[in-house]
């Protein structure tokens, strides 16, 4: 009927208006960020003088931001950040996929208690665990073989802390995907003599690729942009991450060039954007992952 079509038309107008009003400040903010990295001065969206010096300030060979030797090379800091994101992505995805499958498909003593404990751990904010985490990392530091790998003030130690904080979310996400898979192919494979690991690797994992891709994106972005844990357990500029690197600029008592900080911020965003471009097809299909069927 005509009045229903009119209501639908006005509803779409309202929805699009709300969408535009919501995203416009975000778009303007990103436009300003990009303009600021290539300008000497930025007043709003008006640029006064185009330049590449903001990028050369930290990307040029041997360069140090603002010419201060106290800052580490951006490439060292970027490598530290990438290692944390990579370790998080690999460990969280692999452990969560195995644990999610076991919790979804296997019936073992303590299963319900483990699920409840996982949910409780996910509810804990990381800031409440910092003191306990410090004592654990300090204990690892006293061990001669593993102290330099996963102890206090090490990239490996911070990465493992971030993995442990991310695992409850990853396990629940993977369990949800496995719960939505049909038992038919699994039973057929078991009848044909396939072992549990082969069944998990060759049959189940390919069906939850959207979920794995989504978890990989969340894990990498969490590790790449983490600030609280690295700032607490990494001391010194050589072991810092990009997030703590920019915080050093802001907290410096010397005059700060905010256009350089904008360039570092945009530099930090680029890998995440590239990672998202290559995995967005899986992320956008997150709700359609797995074959249809009941458990």
Foldseek 3Di string as FASTA:
>chain_A
DVVVVVVVVVVVVVVVVVVCVVCVVVVQVVLQLVLLLQAQDCDRNDGDHGHNVLVCQQPPVPHDHVRDPQADRQVLQAVLLQVLLVLLLVVLLVVLLVLLLCLQPPDDPCSVVVLVVLVVLLPDDVVVCLVVLLVVLCVQLPDDPCNQQQHFQHSNVLSVVLNVNLNSVSNVLNNVLNQFAACVVVVVCVVVPDDPVCCSPPPVVVQQVLSSLQSSLVSSVCSLQPDPSQVSRHDGNSNHHLNVSLVCQVPDPDDHRVSSSSVSVVVSCVVSVVSCVVRVVSPVCNVVGHDGDGD
